[in-house]
Amino acid sequence: MRFPFSDVKEAKLRPVLVLTRPNPQGDFIGAQITSQLHHIPQLRLSDSDFALGRLPKPSVLRPDKLFTLNKDLVVRRVGRLNHPGFVRALAAICECLGCPNDEISNEGPQ
């Protein structure tokens, strides 16, 4: 996915965790994934979190960095989290949003 730098003049390919299916306009909610491991809050992602594929570098999910993006910005699929990995990601996001974790304990990618 191409994410613009803060000056919006350039963009860099970056991975994103897709959280929702696209709506009729093609928009979906995603969370930032980065290889910059110093960010807090974060959720470390490892190869064991993936059902398909993997990230090229050690990476973390930024549960506090959620975006609405359009599917036309997606360049390619890097991988897919397995059910436990997706549940961990949702729990980390819910912690940042202040929602109760018991509501997401059985959720996962459909």
C-alpha atoms as a PDB file:
ATOM      1  CA  MET A   1       0.000   0.000   0.000  1.00  0.00           C
ATOM      2  CA  ARG A   2       1.359   3.467  -0.801  1.00  0.00           C
ATOM      3  CA  PHE A   3       1.366   5.698   2.278  1.00  0.00           C
ATOM      4  CA  PRO A   4       2.203   9.368   1.822  1.00  0.00           C
ATOM      5  CA  PHE A   5       4.864  10.982   3.943  1.00  0.00           C
ATOM      6  CA  SER A   6       3.581  13.768   6.178  1.00  0.00           C
ATOM      7  CA  ASP A   7       4.457  16.374   3.530  1.00  0.00           C
ATOM      8  CA  VAL A   8       2.216  14.409   1.059  1.00  0.00           C
ATOM      9  CA  LYS A   9       4.758  15.000  -1.735  1.00  0.00           C
ATOM     10  CA  GLU A  10       6.112  11.454  -1.750  1.00  0.00           C
ATOM     11  CA  ALA A  11       4.840   8.027  -0.831  1.00  0.00           C
ATOM     12  CA  LYS A  12       6.439   4.793   0.318  1.00  0.00           C
ATOM     13  CA  LEU A  13       5.187   1.236   0.019  1.00  0.00           C
ATOM     14  CA  ARG A  14       4.160   0.022   3.464  1.00  0.00           C
ATOM     15  CA  PRO A  15       2.300  -2.995   4.830  1.00  0.00           C
ATOM     16  CA  VAL A  16      -1.113  -2.513   6.414  1.00  0.00           C
ATOM     17  CA  LEU A  17      -3.402  -4.837   8.351  1.00  0.00           C
ATOM     18  CA  VAL A  18      -6.797  -4.831   6.652  1.00  0.00           C
ATOM     19  CA  LEU A  19      -9.470  -4.813   9.372  1.00  0.00           C
ATOM     20  CA  THR A  20     -12.700  -4.588   7.361  1.00  0.00           C
ATOM     21  CA  ARG A  21     -14.013  -5.614   3.988  1.00  0.00           C
ATOM     22  CA  PRO A  22     -14.242  -2.752   1.488  1.00  0.00           C
ATOM     23  CA  ASN A  23     -17.545  -0.860   1.463  1.00  0.00           C
ATOM     24  CA  PRO A  24     -19.384  -0.215  -1.845  1.00  0.00           C
ATOM     25  CA  GLN A  25     -17.018   2.705  -2.551  1.00  0.00           C
ATOM     26  CA  GLY A  26     -13.958   0.478  -2.017  1.00  0.00           C
ATOM     27  CA  ASP A  27     -12.948   1.983   1.343  1.00  0.00           C
ATOM     28  CA  PHE A  28     -11.739  -0.176   4.228  1.00  0.00           C
ATOM     29  CA  ILE A  29     -10.209   0.352   7.660  1.00  0.00           C
ATOM     30  CA  GLY A  30      -6.567  -0.616   8.123  1.00  0.00           C
ATOM     31  CA  ALA A  31      -3.893  -0.439  10.809  1.00  0.00           C
ATOM     32  CA  GLN A  32      -0.270   0.544  10.247  1.00  0.00           C
ATOM     33  CA  ILE A  33       2.485  -2.070  10.280  1.00  0.00           C
ATOM     34  CA  THR A  34       6.069  -0.828  10.552  1.00  0.00           C
ATOM     35  CA  SER A  35       9.594  -2.175  10.914  1.00  0.00           C
ATOM     36  CA  GLN A  36      10.376   0.755  13.240  1.00  0.00           C
ATOM     37  CA  LEU A  37      10.291  -1.249  16.468  1.00  0.00           C
ATOM     38  CA  HIS A  38      10.495   1.668  18.932  1.00  0.00           C
ATOM     39  CA  HIS A  39       6.845   2.778  18.708  1.00  0.00           C
ATOM     40  CA  ILE A  40       4.531   2.488  21.706  1.00  0.00           C
ATOM     41  CA  PRO A  41       1.901   1.115  21.758  1.00  0.00           C
ATOM     42  CA  GLN A  42       2.835  -1.775  19.524  1.00  0.00           C
ATOM     43  CA  LEU A  43       2.126  -5.430  18.911  1.00  0.00           C
ATOM     44  CA  ARG A  44       5.069  -7.446  17.642  1.00  0.00           C
ATOM     45  CA  LEU A  45       4.227  -9.617  14.659  1.00  0.00           C
ATOM     46  CA  SER A  46       6.142 -12.838  14.037  1.00  0.00           C
ATOM     47  CA  ASP A  47       6.042 -15.471  11.315  1.00  0.00           C
ATOM     48  CA  SER A  48       3.923 -17.647  13.631  1.00  0.00           C
ATOM     49  CA  ASP A  49       1.133 -15.006  13.456  1.00  0.00           C
ATOM     50  CA  PHE A  50       0.677 -15.619   9.723  1.00  0.00           C
ATOM     51  CA  ALA A  51      -1.454 -18.242   7.996  1.00  0.00           C
ATOM     52  CA  LEU A  52      -0.055 -17.136   4.612  1.00  0.00           C
ATOM     53  CA  GLY A  53       3.093 -15.213   3.730  1.00  0.00           C
ATOM     54  CA  ARG A  54       5.307 -13.225   6.040  1.00  0.00           C
ATOM     55  CA  LEU A  55       6.794  -9.777   6.496  1.00  0.00           C
ATOM     56  CA  PRO A  56      10.305  -9.214   5.088  1.00  0.00           C
ATOM     57  CA  LYS A  57      11.605  -7.599   8.318  1.00  0.00           C
ATOM     58  CA  PRO A  58      10.785  -7.823  12.038  1.00  0.00           C
ATOM     59  CA  SER A  59       7.680  -5.647  12.356  1.00  0.00           C
ATOM     60  CA  VAL A  60       5.064  -4.310  14.745  1.00  0.00           C
ATOM     61  CA  LEU A  61       1.413  -3.405  14.403  1.00  0.00           C
ATOM     62  CA  ARG A  62       0.634   0.169  15.453  1.00  0.00           C
ATOM     63  CA  PRO A  63      -2.779  -0.322  17.125  1.00  0.00           C
ATOM     64  CA  ASP A  64      -3.112   3.443  17.583  1.00  0.00           C
ATOM     65  CA  LYS A  65      -2.636   4.179  13.850  1.00  0.00           C
ATOM     66  CA  LEU A  66      -5.905   3.357  12.094  1.00  0.00           C
ATOM     67  CA  PHE A  67      -6.774   4.639   8.626  1.00  0.00           C
ATOM     68  CA  THR A  68      -9.583   4.620   6.116  1.00  0.00           C
ATOM     69  CA  LEU A  69      -8.031   3.615   2.806  1.00  0.00           C
ATOM     70  CA  ASN A  70      -9.272   2.687  -0.648  1.00  0.00           C
ATOM     71  CA  LYS A  71      -8.701  -0.757  -2.156  1.00  0.00           C
ATOM     72  CA  ASP A  72      -7.278   0.889  -5.300  1.00  0.00           C
ATOM     73  CA  LEU A  73      -4.223   1.868  -3.222  1.00  0.00           C
ATOM     74  CA  VAL A  74      -3.358  -1.780  -2.522  1.00  0.00           C
ATOM     75  CA  VAL A  75      -0.348  -2.831  -4.572  1.00  0.00           C
ATOM     76  CA  ARG A  76      -0.111  -6.487  -3.497  1.00  0.00           C
ATOM     77  CA  ARG A  77      -0.965  -8.900  -0.699  1.00  0.00           C
ATOM     78  CA  VAL A  78       1.979  -9.772   1.542  1.00  0.00           C
ATOM     79  CA  GLY A  79       0.251 -12.270   3.810  1.00  0.00           C
ATOM     80  CA  ARG A  80      -2.695 -13.100   6.023  1.00  0.00           C
ATOM     81  CA  LEU A  81      -2.766 -13.344   9.798  1.00  0.00           C
ATOM     82  CA  ASN A  82      -3.971 -16.592  11.291  1.00  0.00           C
ATOM     83  CA  HIS A  83      -6.974 -16.535  13.654  1.00  0.00           C
ATOM     84  CA  PRO A  84      -4.940 -16.186  16.910  1.00  0.00           C
ATOM     85  CA  GLY A  85      -2.794 -13.450  15.341  1.00  0.00           C
ATOM     86  CA  PHE A  86      -5.851 -11.514  14.163  1.00  0.00           C
ATOM     87  CA  VAL A  87      -7.501 -11.841  17.592  1.00  0.00           C
ATOM     88  CA  ARG A  88      -4.304 -10.493  19.230  1.00  0.00           C
ATOM     89  CA  ALA A  89      -4.314  -7.571  16.778  1.00  0.00           C
ATOM     90  CA  LEU A  90      -7.979  -6.785  17.492  1.00  0.00           C
ATOM     91  CA  ALA A  91      -7.339  -6.960  21.246  1.00  0.00           C
ATOM     92  CA  ALA A  92      -4.447  -4.483  20.940  1.00  0.00           C
ATOM     93  CA  ILE A  93      -6.597  -2.124  18.850  1.00  0.00           C
ATOM     94  CA  CYS A  94      -9.505  -2.429  21.291  1.00  0.00           C
ATOM     95  CA  GLU A  95      -7.179  -1.618  24.181  1.00  0.00           C
ATOM     96  CA  CYS A  96      -6.210   1.619  22.416  1.00  0.00           C
ATOM     97  CA  LEU A  97      -9.855   2.432  21.650  1.00  0.00           C
ATOM     98  CA  GLY A  98     -11.084   1.517  25.118  1.00  0.00           C
ATOM     99  CA  CYS A  99     -13.533  -1.160  23.993  1.00  0.00           C
ATOM    100  CA  PRO A 100     -14.054  -4.311  26.067  1.00  0.00           C
ATOM    101  CA  ASN A 101     -11.839  -7.215  24.948  1.00  0.00           C
ATOM    102  CA  ASP A 102     -14.494  -9.844  25.690  1.00  0.00           C
ATOM    103  CA  GLU A 103     -16.432  -8.611  22.643  1.00  0.00           C
ATOM    104  CA  ILE A 104     -13.643  -9.631  20.266  1.00  0.00           C
ATOM    105  CA  SER A 105     -12.436 -12.880  21.839  1.00  0.00           C
ATOM    106  CA  ASN A 106     -13.995 -15.082  19.153  1.00  0.00           C
ATOM    107  CA  GLU A 107     -13.658 -12.707  16.213  1.00  0.00           C
ATOM    108  CA  GLY A 108     -11.245 -13.207  13.387  1.00  0.00           C
ATOM    109  CA  PRO A 109     -10.936 -12.870   9.664  1.00  0.00           C
ATOM    110  CA  GLN A 110     -14.011 -14.140   7.887  1.00  0.00           C
END
